[in-house]
Structure formats: C-alpha cells, structure tokens
Amino acid sequence: MKENLLKLLAEKNVKNMSFKRNLAKEYLQIIALDFIYSHKDYGQMVFYGGSCLKHCYGLPRLSEDLDFVDLRKTVKIDQLANDLKEYFAKIGNIEVKATVQKFRIYLKFPILRELGLVGGDEPDFLFLKVEVFNAFDFCKTFKTEIIPVFKHNRSLLIKTFDLPTMMATKIRAVFLRKWEKTDKKGDLLMKVKGRDYFDLMWYLQKKITPNLGCIENIKDAADLKDKLIGAIDKVDSKSILLDLEPLIEDMVFLNNLSKNIKLILINQIKSTL
C-alpha cells in the first residue's frame, strides 16, 4: 500500500503539501469503500457527500471525509471502526489507530513521514474520518442507486442517493451549516465552507433539479431560488480560496474562481432553478 501511495504522489508534480496529503487520503478512501461495500454488515449503507460526488460522479475536487447514512440503523460504529482498523493492518501492514466519537470514526495512519508529506516535529498521522448517520427523517422521498467505480486497481459497486437528493443535502448545508475558522490569534479566516458553494456550482452546472422534499421550509422552486440567492451573499472570495486550496490542484483556476463564484452562482440559480 505504501508503495502505491509513493507512486501516486510521484506522478503529481504539486508543491501544495495539503493537496498531496488529500491525494494520499483519496487512495485510502477507495480501500475503505472497497471493504465497506464488500461486507455483509456494511454494504447497505448509503454513501453521499463530496467524496461520493468525487468518486462516483467525477466532481473535480478532492474531498476529506467519507459520509454514510445507515437507513436500517443496524451498523455498530465501534465494530466498524475495529473492522476497518484490522483490514488496513492486514492489507497494508500498517498499525492503524482508530478512535470513535459518537457517529464519527477517526482512522490514523502513521505514514506521513515515509511519504515525505511532513517535516520537522509535525505529527506523522494522516487522518481519515468516516461518519455514519442514521437520521435521515428530514427527507420524505428519495431514490438510491448502485454506481460502479473502478479506481486504483479495485472494482466497487457503491450505493448512493440519487443526484437530486444529494443536491438537496448540499443545499441544506448551504442553509444550515454554522461554521467558521479562526487563526491562532482568534482572527476570522473563513466564514463559510467554500466547498459547499463549489459543489452547489457543480450541481447547477450539471442542471440537476434538487429533491425539494428533502429541504425544510421551502414552498416551491421559486422560493428555493430566492432563498439561495440570499444565502449566496455570505460567500466571500477568501473563504472559497482557503477552504478549497487543499482540494484543487490548479491554483490559477482557483484564484479566478474565488473572485467570481458569487456572480457565477447567482447567474446559475437564475437560469437553472
């Protein structure tokens, strides 16, 4: 596994260390997904979110976490954490550490130094977060799909929500996510998650119509359009740039996008929804 990661990183002539770490993390995501969707106890979980869009639908950015919905409410999070830990140890000969916090699993891989992705006294761990939710009651109707994925010499059949439903969950994030990031001095760095707006732009570019039955307090498409345009006012170029910098390789594109995404989104919302 380490040899494959070193080869993957060598193929990318990128100076951005955060991007390279997420590139390595993407490889680990595929291994985790292969295990999950080959397992009788976990294969029924529904994969969604940014990593799902990346792996299943070609979203042009990296993603950090694996997000699932356990519709049957049968998955035991501690058991899943232990099973993932043992699987990685078996196939990669790596002593992975796993911790659990409520519905989150943190897998810690002591490989950053070997991969040349850390220097000095920085921690050696590459983190992979897996979240399993069993509450999806806000969504009244939805469909699921099986998507074939072929990556890193692995063949997977991944269970996902249909794109209109996943778009609805992203719109909910735009409306409901309360998030800010500050520096060590406490000064505000980012006031929104730039990736939420990037993903919304991708959905609109694909002309996906969101599943309105999964968005609370929306009367109809016209109401959604008005509220989304209002939400776009929160977007600032600095938040877009800093949040997406570890996830997008082309910095020229990202710099230009961060300055123009608000106008792009408003025009897309007016013409698409």
C-alpha atoms as a PDB file:
ATOM      1  CA  MET A   1       0.000   0.000   0.000  1.00  0.00           C
ATOM      2  CA  LYS A   2       2.814   2.424   0.848  1.00  0.00           C
ATOM      3  CA  GLU A   3       4.494   1.684  -2.479  1.00  0.00           C
ATOM      4  CA  ASN A   4       1.273   2.544  -4.319  1.00  0.00           C
ATOM      5  CA  LEU A   5       0.952   5.785  -2.396  1.00  0.00           C
ATOM      6  CA  LEU A   6       4.539   6.791  -3.175  1.00  0.00           C
ATOM      7  CA  LYS A   7       3.950   6.077  -6.866  1.00  0.00           C
ATOM      8  CA  LEU A   8       0.697   8.063  -6.850  1.00  0.00           C
ATOM      9  CA  LEU A   9       2.360  11.076  -5.250  1.00  0.00           C
ATOM     10  CA  ALA A  10       5.366  10.906  -7.592  1.00  0.00           C
ATOM     11  CA  GLU A  11       3.029  11.209 -10.568  1.00  0.00           C
ATOM     12  CA  LYS A  12       1.796  14.594  -9.311  1.00  0.00           C
ATOM     13  CA  ASN A  13       4.260  17.472  -9.554  1.00  0.00           C
ATOM     14  CA  VAL A  14       2.460  19.560  -6.938  1.00  0.00           C
ATOM     15  CA  LYS A  15       4.095  21.727  -4.265  1.00  0.00           C
ATOM     16  CA  ASN A  16       0.945  22.166  -2.170  1.00  0.00           C
ATOM     17  CA  MET A  17       1.533  19.783   0.752  1.00  0.00           C
ATOM     18  CA  SER A  18      -2.091  19.855   1.925  1.00  0.00           C
ATOM     19  CA  PHE A  19      -3.259  18.846  -1.554  1.00  0.00           C
ATOM     20  CA  LYS A  20      -0.757  15.968  -1.647  1.00  0.00           C
ATOM     21  CA  ARG A  21      -1.979  14.717   1.737  1.00  0.00           C
ATOM     22  CA  ASN A  22      -5.557  14.731   0.497  1.00  0.00           C
ATOM     23  CA  LEU A  23      -4.439  12.932  -2.656  1.00  0.00           C
ATOM     24  CA  ALA A  24      -2.990  10.188  -0.456  1.00  0.00           C
ATOM     25  CA  LYS A  25      -6.181  10.218   1.589  1.00  0.00           C
ATOM     26  CA  GLU A  26      -8.243   9.679  -1.559  1.00  0.00           C
ATOM     27  CA  TYR A  27      -6.367   6.423  -2.154  1.00  0.00           C
ATOM     28  CA  LEU A  28      -7.158   5.289   1.397  1.00  0.00           C
ATOM     29  CA  GLN A  29     -10.807   6.223   0.832  1.00  0.00           C
ATOM     30  CA  ILE A  30     -11.050   3.752  -2.052  1.00  0.00           C
ATOM     31  CA  ILE A  31      -9.623   0.973   0.088  1.00  0.00           C
ATOM     32  CA  ALA A  32     -12.111   1.763   2.866  1.00  0.00           C
ATOM     33  CA  LEU A  33     -15.000   1.869   0.374  1.00  0.00           C
ATOM     34  CA  ASP A  34     -13.913  -1.447  -1.129  1.00  0.00           C
ATOM     35  CA  PHE A  35     -14.026  -3.035   2.310  1.00  0.00           C
ATOM     36  CA  ILE A  36     -17.378  -1.491   3.243  1.00  0.00           C
ATOM     37  CA  TYR A  37     -19.181  -2.434   0.032  1.00  0.00           C
ATOM     38  CA  SER A  38     -17.812  -5.973   0.109  1.00  0.00           C
ATOM     39  CA  HIS A  39     -19.015  -6.573   3.672  1.00  0.00           C
ATOM     40  CA  LYS A  40     -22.386  -8.114   4.503  1.00  0.00           C
ATOM     41  CA  ASP A  41     -22.929  -5.846   7.524  1.00  0.00           C
ATOM     42  CA  TYR A  42     -21.961  -2.546   5.919  1.00  0.00           C
ATOM     43  CA  GLY A  43     -22.791  -2.808   2.220  1.00  0.00           C
ATOM     44  CA  GLN A  44     -26.318  -1.492   2.773  1.00  0.00           C
ATOM     45  CA  MET A  45     -25.046   1.920   3.919  1.00  0.00           C
ATOM     46  CA  VAL A  46     -25.681   4.807   1.525  1.00  0.00           C
ATOM     47  CA  PHE A  47     -22.628   6.866   0.549  1.00  0.00           C
ATOM     48  CA  TYR A  48     -23.137  10.593  -0.041  1.00  0.00           C
ATOM     49  CA  GLY A  49     -21.402  13.969   0.247  1.00  0.00           C
ATOM     50  CA  GLY A  50     -18.386  15.446  -1.505  1.00  0.00           C
ATOM     51  CA  SER A  51     -16.312  12.259  -1.514  1.00  0.00           C
ATOM     52  CA  CYS A  52     -19.233  10.421  -3.088  1.00  0.00           C
ATOM     53  CA  LEU A  53     -19.502  13.053  -5.820  1.00  0.00           C
ATOM     54  CA  LYS A  54     -15.747  12.794  -6.411  1.00  0.00           C
ATOM     55  CA  HIS A  55     -15.559   9.006  -6.644  1.00  0.00           C
ATOM     56  CA  CYS A  56     -18.915   8.230  -8.249  1.00  0.00           C
ATOM     57  CA  TYR A  57     -19.670  11.262 -10.406  1.00  0.00           C
ATOM     58  CA  GLY A  58     -16.351  12.956 -11.184  1.00  0.00           C
ATOM     59  CA  LEU A  59     -16.580  16.084  -9.026  1.00  0.00           C
ATOM     60  CA  PRO A  60     -13.372  18.000  -9.907  1.00  0.00           C
ATOM     61  CA  ARG A  61     -12.016  18.393  -6.396  1.00  0.00           C
ATOM     62  CA  LEU A  62     -10.609  16.168  -3.676  1.00  0.00           C
ATOM     63  CA  SER A  63     -12.569  15.506  -0.502  1.00  0.00           C
ATOM     64  CA  GLU A  64     -11.547  14.667   3.044  1.00  0.00           C
ATOM     65  CA  ASP A  65     -14.245  12.518   4.675  1.00  0.00           C
ATOM     66  CA  LEU A  66     -16.432   9.508   3.963  1.00  0.00           C
ATOM     67  CA  ASP A  67     -20.102  10.153   4.826  1.00  0.00           C
ATOM     68  CA  PHE A  68     -22.762   7.460   5.029  1.00  0.00           C
ATOM     69  CA  VAL A  69     -26.389   7.075   6.042  1.00  0.00           C
ATOM     70  CA  ASP A  70     -27.348   3.851   7.803  1.00  0.00           C
ATOM     71  CA  LEU A  71     -31.020   3.719   6.832  1.00  0.00           C
ATOM     72  CA  ARG A  72     -31.557   0.377   8.575  1.00  0.00           C
ATOM     73  CA  LYS A  73     -29.939   1.643  11.795  1.00  0.00           C
ATOM     74  CA  THR A  74     -28.029  -1.616  12.251  1.00  0.00           C
ATOM     75  CA  VAL A  75     -24.380  -0.562  11.970  1.00  0.00           C
ATOM     76  CA  LYS A  76     -22.397  -0.606  15.209  1.00  0.00           C
ATOM     77  CA  ILE A  77     -19.900   2.208  14.937  1.00  0.00           C
ATOM     78  CA  ASP A  78     -17.333   0.642  17.305  1.00  0.00           C
ATOM     79  CA  GLN A  79     -17.386  -2.602  15.347  1.00  0.00           C
ATOM     80  CA  LEU A  80     -16.985  -0.791  12.028  1.00  0.00           C
ATOM     81  CA  ALA A  81     -14.005   1.128  13.424  1.00  0.00           C
ATOM     82  CA  ASN A  82     -12.340  -2.067  14.589  1.00  0.00           C
ATOM     83  CA  ASP A  83     -13.066  -3.872  11.314  1.00  0.00           C
ATOM     84  CA  LEU A  84     -11.573  -1.033   9.251  1.00  0.00           C
ATOM     85  CA  LYS A  85      -8.537  -0.928  11.504  1.00  0.00           C
ATOM     86  CA  GLU A  86      -7.944  -4.673  11.121  1.00  0.00           C
ATOM     87  CA  TYR A  87      -8.495  -4.570   7.364  1.00  0.00           C
ATOM     88  CA  PHE A  88      -5.924  -1.836   6.780  1.00  0.00           C
ATOM     89  CA  ALA A  89      -3.454  -3.602   9.067  1.00  0.00           C
ATOM     90  CA  LYS A  90      -3.946  -6.823   7.104  1.00  0.00           C
ATOM     91  CA  ILE A  91      -3.574  -5.466   3.575  1.00  0.00           C
ATOM     92  CA  GLY A  92      -1.161  -2.614   4.233  1.00  0.00           C
ATOM     93  CA  ASN A  93       0.914  -3.901   7.132  1.00  0.00           C
ATOM     94  CA  ILE A  94       0.219  -0.614   8.918  1.00  0.00           C
ATOM     95  CA  GLU A  95      -0.651  -0.274  12.591  1.00  0.00           C
ATOM     96  CA  VAL A  96      -3.665   1.968  12.138  1.00  0.00           C
ATOM     97  CA  LYS A  97      -5.179   3.624  15.189  1.00  0.00           C
ATOM     98  CA  ALA A  98      -8.944   4.100  15.395  1.00  0.00           C
ATOM     99  CA  THR A  99     -10.962   6.289  17.735  1.00  0.00           C
ATOM    100  CA  VAL A 100     -14.727   6.778  17.883  1.00  0.00           C
ATOM    101  CA  GLN A 101     -16.701   9.905  18.812  1.00  0.00           C
ATOM    102  CA  LYS A 102     -20.450   9.320  18.645  1.00  0.00           C
ATOM    103  CA  PHE A 103     -21.108   8.781  14.913  1.00  0.00           C
ATOM    104  CA  ARG A 104     -17.520   9.524  13.797  1.00  0.00           C
ATOM    105  CA  ILE A 105     -14.568   7.227  13.256  1.00  0.00           C
ATOM    106  CA  TYR A 106     -11.068   8.683  13.060  1.00  0.00           C
ATOM    107  CA  LEU A 107      -8.534   6.391  11.391  1.00  0.00           C
ATOM    108  CA  LYS A 108      -4.954   7.497  11.993  1.00  0.00           C
ATOM    109  CA  PHE A 109      -2.276   6.258   9.584  1.00  0.00           C
ATOM    110  CA  PRO A 110       1.363   6.782  10.738  1.00  0.00           C
ATOM    111  CA  ILE A 111       2.700   7.248   7.206  1.00  0.00           C
ATOM    112  CA  LEU A 112       3.196  10.959   6.514  1.00  0.00           C
ATOM    113  CA  ARG A 113       6.931  10.890   7.209  1.00  0.00           C
ATOM    114  CA  GLU A 114       7.534   7.871   4.983  1.00  0.00           C
ATOM    115  CA  LEU A 115       5.574   9.568   2.211  1.00  0.00           C
ATOM    116  CA  GLY A 116       7.571  12.780   2.544  1.00  0.00           C
ATOM    117  CA  LEU A 117       4.451  14.721   3.494  1.00  0.00           C
ATOM    118  CA  VAL A 118       5.576  16.070   6.845  1.00  0.00           C
ATOM    119  CA  GLY A 119       8.644  17.793   8.200  1.00  0.00           C
ATOM    120  CA  GLY A 120      10.268  18.681  11.476  1.00  0.00           C
ATOM    121  CA  ASP A 121       8.274  17.824  14.583  1.00  0.00           C
ATOM    122  CA  GLU A 122       4.905  17.718  12.822  1.00  0.00           C
ATOM    123  CA  PRO A 123       2.679  14.699  13.645  1.00  0.00           C
ATOM    124  CA  ASP A 124       3.147  11.628  11.463  1.00  0.00           C
ATOM    125  CA  PHE A 125      -0.555  10.776  11.225  1.00  0.00           C
ATOM    126  CA  LEU A 126      -2.703  11.021   8.114  1.00  0.00           C
ATOM    127  CA  PHE A 127      -6.333  11.162   9.285  1.00  0.00           C
ATOM    128  CA  LEU A 128      -9.308   9.608   7.540  1.00  0.00           C
ATOM    129  CA  LYS A 129     -12.707  10.456   9.024  1.00  0.00           C
ATOM    130  CA  VAL A 130     -15.714   8.191   8.494  1.00  0.00           C
ATOM    131  CA  GLU A 131     -19.147   9.422   9.571  1.00  0.00           C
ATOM    132  CA  VAL A 132     -22.215   7.192   9.804  1.00  0.00           C
ATOM    133  CA  PHE A 133     -25.590   8.874  10.361  1.00  0.00           C
ATOM    134  CA  ASN A 134     -28.823   7.000  10.984  1.00  0.00           C
ATOM    135  CA  ALA A 135     -31.120  10.031  10.961  1.00  0.00           C
ATOM    136  CA  PHE A 136     -32.467  10.862   7.502  1.00  0.00           C
ATOM    137  CA  ASP A 137     -36.026  11.664   8.550  1.00  0.00           C
ATOM    138  CA  PHE A 138     -35.903  15.170   7.054  1.00  0.00           C
ATOM    139  CA  CYS A 139     -36.031  13.592   3.595  1.00  0.00           C
ATOM    140  CA  LYS A 140     -39.544  12.401   2.759  1.00  0.00           C
ATOM    141  CA  THR A 141     -38.882  10.647  -0.570  1.00  0.00           C
ATOM    142  CA  PHE A 142     -35.660   9.648  -2.284  1.00  0.00           C
ATOM    143  CA  LYS A 143     -34.096   7.064  -4.545  1.00  0.00           C
ATOM    144  CA  THR A 144     -30.879   5.082  -4.218  1.00  0.00           C
ATOM    145  CA  GLU A 145     -28.577   3.951  -6.996  1.00  0.00           C
ATOM    146  CA  ILE A 146     -25.718   1.496  -7.443  1.00  0.00           C
ATOM    147  CA  ILE A 147     -22.690   3.105  -9.100  1.00  0.00           C
ATOM    148  CA  PRO A 148     -19.742   1.061 -10.436  1.00  0.00           C
ATOM    149  CA  VAL A 149     -16.367   2.588  -9.592  1.00  0.00           C
ATOM    150  CA  PHE A 150     -13.003   1.425 -10.943  1.00  0.00           C
ATOM    151  CA  LYS A 151     -10.050   3.062  -9.207  1.00  0.00           C
ATOM    152  CA  HIS A 152      -6.602   2.058  -8.020  1.00  0.00           C
ATOM    153  CA  ASN A 153      -6.981  -1.481  -9.389  1.00  0.00           C
ATOM    154  CA  ARG A 154     -10.160  -2.022  -7.405  1.00  0.00           C
ATOM    155  CA  SER A 155     -13.691  -2.592  -8.690  1.00  0.00           C
ATOM    156  CA  LEU A 156     -16.513  -1.386  -6.454  1.00  0.00           C
ATOM    157  CA  LEU A 157     -20.288  -1.215  -6.530  1.00  0.00           C
ATOM    158  CA  ILE A 158     -21.246   1.748  -4.355  1.00  0.00           C
ATOM    159  CA  LYS A 159     -24.711   2.504  -3.046  1.00  0.00           C
ATOM    160  CA  THR A 160     -25.601   6.199  -3.222  1.00  0.00           C
ATOM    161  CA  PHE A 161     -28.573   8.516  -3.175  1.00  0.00           C
ATOM    162  CA  ASP A 162     -29.800   9.847  -6.496  1.00  0.00           C
ATOM    163  CA  LEU A 163     -28.257  13.174  -7.517  1.00  0.00           C
ATOM    164  CA  PRO A 164     -31.404  15.287  -6.848  1.00  0.00           C
ATOM    165  CA  THR A 165     -31.420  14.021  -3.252  1.00  0.00           C
ATOM    166  CA  MET A 166     -27.696  14.610  -2.796  1.00  0.00           C
ATOM    167  CA  MET A 167     -28.106  18.110  -4.209  1.00  0.00           C
ATOM    168  CA  ALA A 168     -30.819  18.719  -1.618  1.00  0.00           C
ATOM    169  CA  THR A 169     -28.452  17.680   1.191  1.00  0.00           C
ATOM    170  CA  LYS A 170     -25.858  20.134  -0.156  1.00  0.00           C
ATOM    171  CA  ILE A 171     -28.414  22.950  -0.272  1.00  0.00           C
ATOM    172  CA  ARG A 172     -29.307  22.125   3.344  1.00  0.00           C
ATOM    173  CA  ALA A 173     -25.614  22.549   4.184  1.00  0.00           C
ATOM    174  CA  VAL A 174     -25.585  25.964   2.492  1.00  0.00           C
ATOM    175  CA  PHE A 175     -28.633  26.998   4.518  1.00  0.00           C
ATOM    176  CA  LEU A 176     -27.904  25.340   7.859  1.00  0.00           C
ATOM    177  CA  ARG A 177     -24.165  24.827   8.330  1.00  0.00           C
ATOM    178  CA  LYS A 178     -22.861  27.031  11.135  1.00  0.00           C
ATOM    179  CA  TRP A 179     -19.103  27.107  10.652  1.00  0.00           C
ATOM    180  CA  GLU A 180     -16.206  29.499  10.990  1.00  0.00           C
ATOM    181  CA  LYS A 181     -12.450  29.071  11.145  1.00  0.00           C
ATOM    182  CA  THR A 182     -10.055  31.321  13.008  1.00  0.00           C
ATOM    183  CA  ASP A 183      -6.274  31.542  13.174  1.00  0.00           C
ATOM    184  CA  LYS A 184      -4.189  31.001  16.310  1.00  0.00           C
ATOM    185  CA  LYS A 185      -4.797  34.597  17.364  1.00  0.00           C
ATOM    186  CA  GLY A 186      -8.556  34.171  17.085  1.00  0.00           C
ATOM    187  CA  ASP A 187      -8.902  36.289  13.964  1.00  0.00           C
ATOM    188  CA  LEU A 188     -11.523  35.112  11.470  1.00  0.00           C
ATOM    189  CA  LEU A 189     -10.066  33.281   8.460  1.00  0.00           C
ATOM    190  CA  MET A 190     -13.151  31.730   6.866  1.00  0.00           C
ATOM    191  CA  LYS A 191     -16.834  32.327   7.492  1.00  0.00           C
ATOM    192  CA  VAL A 192     -18.271  29.657   5.185  1.00  0.00           C
ATOM    193  CA  LYS A 193     -17.144  26.277   3.845  1.00  0.00           C
ATOM    194  CA  GLY A 194     -16.051  27.113   0.328  1.00  0.00           C
ATOM    195  CA  ARG A 195     -16.548  23.512  -0.780  1.00  0.00           C
ATOM    196  CA  ASP A 196     -20.325  23.798  -0.185  1.00  0.00           C
ATOM    197  CA  TYR A 197     -20.564  26.541  -2.787  1.00  0.00           C
ATOM    198  CA  PHE A 198     -18.198  24.804  -5.191  1.00  0.00           C
ATOM    199  CA  ASP A 199     -20.360  21.666  -5.041  1.00  0.00           C
ATOM    200  CA  LEU A 200     -23.532  23.710  -5.495  1.00  0.00           C
ATOM    201  CA  MET A 201     -21.963  25.263  -8.590  1.00  0.00           C
ATOM    202  CA  TRP A 202     -21.187  21.751  -9.909  1.00  0.00           C
ATOM    203  CA  TYR A 203     -24.789  20.592  -9.408  1.00  0.00           C
ATOM    204  CA  LEU A 204     -26.132  23.673 -11.154  1.00  0.00           C
ATOM    205  CA  GLN A 205     -23.635  23.244 -13.987  1.00  0.00           C
ATOM    206  CA  LYS A 206     -24.980  19.690 -14.427  1.00  0.00           C
ATOM    207  CA  LYS A 207     -28.533  21.116 -14.414  1.00  0.00           C
ATOM    208  CA  ILE A 208     -29.619  18.805 -11.605  1.00  0.00           C
ATOM    209  CA  THR A 209     -33.024  19.637 -10.114  1.00  0.00           C
ATOM    210  CA  PRO A 210     -32.923  19.252  -6.325  1.00  0.00           C
ATOM    211  CA  ASN A 211     -35.301  16.988  -4.427  1.00  0.00           C
ATOM    212  CA  LEU A 212     -37.458  19.650  -2.757  1.00  0.00           C
ATOM    213  CA  GLY A 213     -38.946  17.042  -0.431  1.00  0.00           C
ATOM    214  CA  CYS A 214     -35.605  16.937   1.379  1.00  0.00           C
ATOM    215  CA  ILE A 215     -35.290  20.679   2.075  1.00  0.00           C
ATOM    216  CA  GLU A 216     -37.229  22.059   5.015  1.00  0.00           C
ATOM    217  CA  ASN A 217     -39.246  25.270   4.846  1.00  0.00           C
ATOM    218  CA  ILE A 218     -39.199  25.532   1.054  1.00  0.00           C
ATOM    219  CA  LYS A 219     -42.570  26.109  -0.621  1.00  0.00           C
ATOM    220  CA  ASP A 220     -41.568  25.610  -4.253  1.00  0.00           C
ATOM    221  CA  ALA A 221     -38.779  26.164  -6.780  1.00  0.00           C
ATOM    222  CA  ALA A 222     -39.303  29.938  -6.812  1.00  0.00           C
ATOM    223  CA  ASP A 223     -38.985  30.079  -3.028  1.00  0.00           C
ATOM    224  CA  LEU A 224     -35.809  27.991  -3.189  1.00  0.00           C
ATOM    225  CA  LYS A 225     -34.344  30.302  -5.823  1.00  0.00           C
ATOM    226  CA  ASP A 226     -34.973  33.413  -3.710  1.00  0.00           C
ATOM    227  CA  LYS A 227     -33.526  31.864  -0.542  1.00  0.00           C
ATOM    228  CA  LEU A 228     -30.446  30.519  -2.315  1.00  0.00           C
ATOM    229  CA  ILE A 229     -29.672  33.894  -3.853  1.00  0.00           C
ATOM    230  CA  GLY A 230     -29.963  35.368  -0.370  1.00  0.00           C
ATOM    231  CA  ALA A 231     -27.589  32.743   1.015  1.00  0.00           C
ATOM    232  CA  ILE A 232     -25.001  33.492  -1.671  1.00  0.00           C
ATOM    233  CA  ASP A 233     -24.481  36.906  -0.063  1.00  0.00           C
ATOM    234  CA  LYS A 234     -22.468  35.123   2.647  1.00  0.00           C
ATOM    235  CA  VAL A 235     -19.885  33.968   0.107  1.00  0.00           C
ATOM    236  CA  ASP A 236     -16.528  35.736   0.207  1.00  0.00           C
ATOM    237  CA  SER A 237     -13.523  35.068  -2.001  1.00  0.00           C
ATOM    238  CA  LYS A 238     -11.154  34.405   0.912  1.00  0.00           C
ATOM    239  CA  SER A 239     -13.308  31.587   2.312  1.00  0.00           C
ATOM    240  CA  ILE A 240     -13.595  29.992  -1.116  1.00  0.00           C
ATOM    241  CA  LEU A 241      -9.844  30.181  -1.728  1.00  0.00           C
ATOM    242  CA  LEU A 242      -8.628  28.958   1.664  1.00  0.00           C
ATOM    243  CA  ASP A 243     -11.130  26.119   2.022  1.00  0.00           C
ATOM    244  CA  LEU A 244     -10.593  24.754  -1.493  1.00  0.00           C
ATOM    245  CA  GLU A 245      -6.810  25.235  -1.635  1.00  0.00           C
ATOM    246  CA  PRO A 246      -6.098  21.728  -0.227  1.00  0.00           C
ATOM    247  CA  LEU A 247      -8.669  20.169  -2.577  1.00  0.00           C
ATOM    248  CA  ILE A 248      -7.992  21.649  -6.040  1.00  0.00           C
ATOM    249  CA  GLU A 249      -4.737  21.265  -7.949  1.00  0.00           C
ATOM    250  CA  ASP A 250      -4.999  24.207 -10.364  1.00  0.00           C
ATOM    251  CA  MET A 251      -4.292  27.315  -8.302  1.00  0.00           C
ATOM    252  CA  VAL A 252      -4.723  29.708 -11.239  1.00  0.00           C
ATOM    253  CA  PHE A 253      -8.248  28.385 -11.725  1.00  0.00           C
ATOM    254  CA  LEU A 254      -8.958  28.506  -8.001  1.00  0.00           C
ATOM    255  CA  ASN A 255      -7.775  32.105  -7.636  1.00  0.00           C
ATOM    256  CA  ASN A 256     -10.009  33.175 -10.509  1.00  0.00           C
ATOM    257  CA  LEU A 257     -12.920  31.112  -9.230  1.00  0.00           C
ATOM    258  CA  SER A 258     -12.740  32.582  -5.732  1.00  0.00           C
ATOM    259  CA  LYS A 259     -13.155  36.087  -7.182  1.00  0.00           C
ATOM    260  CA  ASN A 260     -16.059  35.158  -9.456  1.00  0.00           C
ATOM    261  CA  ILE A 261     -18.012  32.357  -7.783  1.00  0.00           C
ATOM    262  CA  LYS A 262     -20.680  34.617  -6.292  1.00  0.00           C
ATOM    263  CA  LEU A 263     -21.632  36.012  -9.701  1.00  0.00           C
ATOM    264  CA  ILE A 264     -21.404  32.531 -11.271  1.00  0.00           C
ATOM    265  CA  LEU A 265     -23.744  31.053  -8.668  1.00  0.00           C
ATOM    266  CA  ILE A 266     -26.328  33.826  -8.890  1.00  0.00           C
ATOM    267  CA  ASN A 267     -26.446  33.544 -12.685  1.00  0.00           C
ATOM    268  CA  GLN A 268     -26.708  29.736 -12.476  1.00  0.00           C
ATOM    269  CA  ILE A 269     -29.515  29.891  -9.906  1.00  0.00           C
ATOM    270  CA  LYS A 270     -31.481  32.375 -12.006  1.00  0.00           C
ATOM    271  CA  SER A 271     -31.117  30.361 -15.194  1.00  0.00           C
ATOM    272  CA  THR A 272     -31.297  26.779 -13.876  1.00  0.00           C
ATOM    273  CA  LEU A 273     -33.729  26.551 -10.950  1.00  0.00           C
END
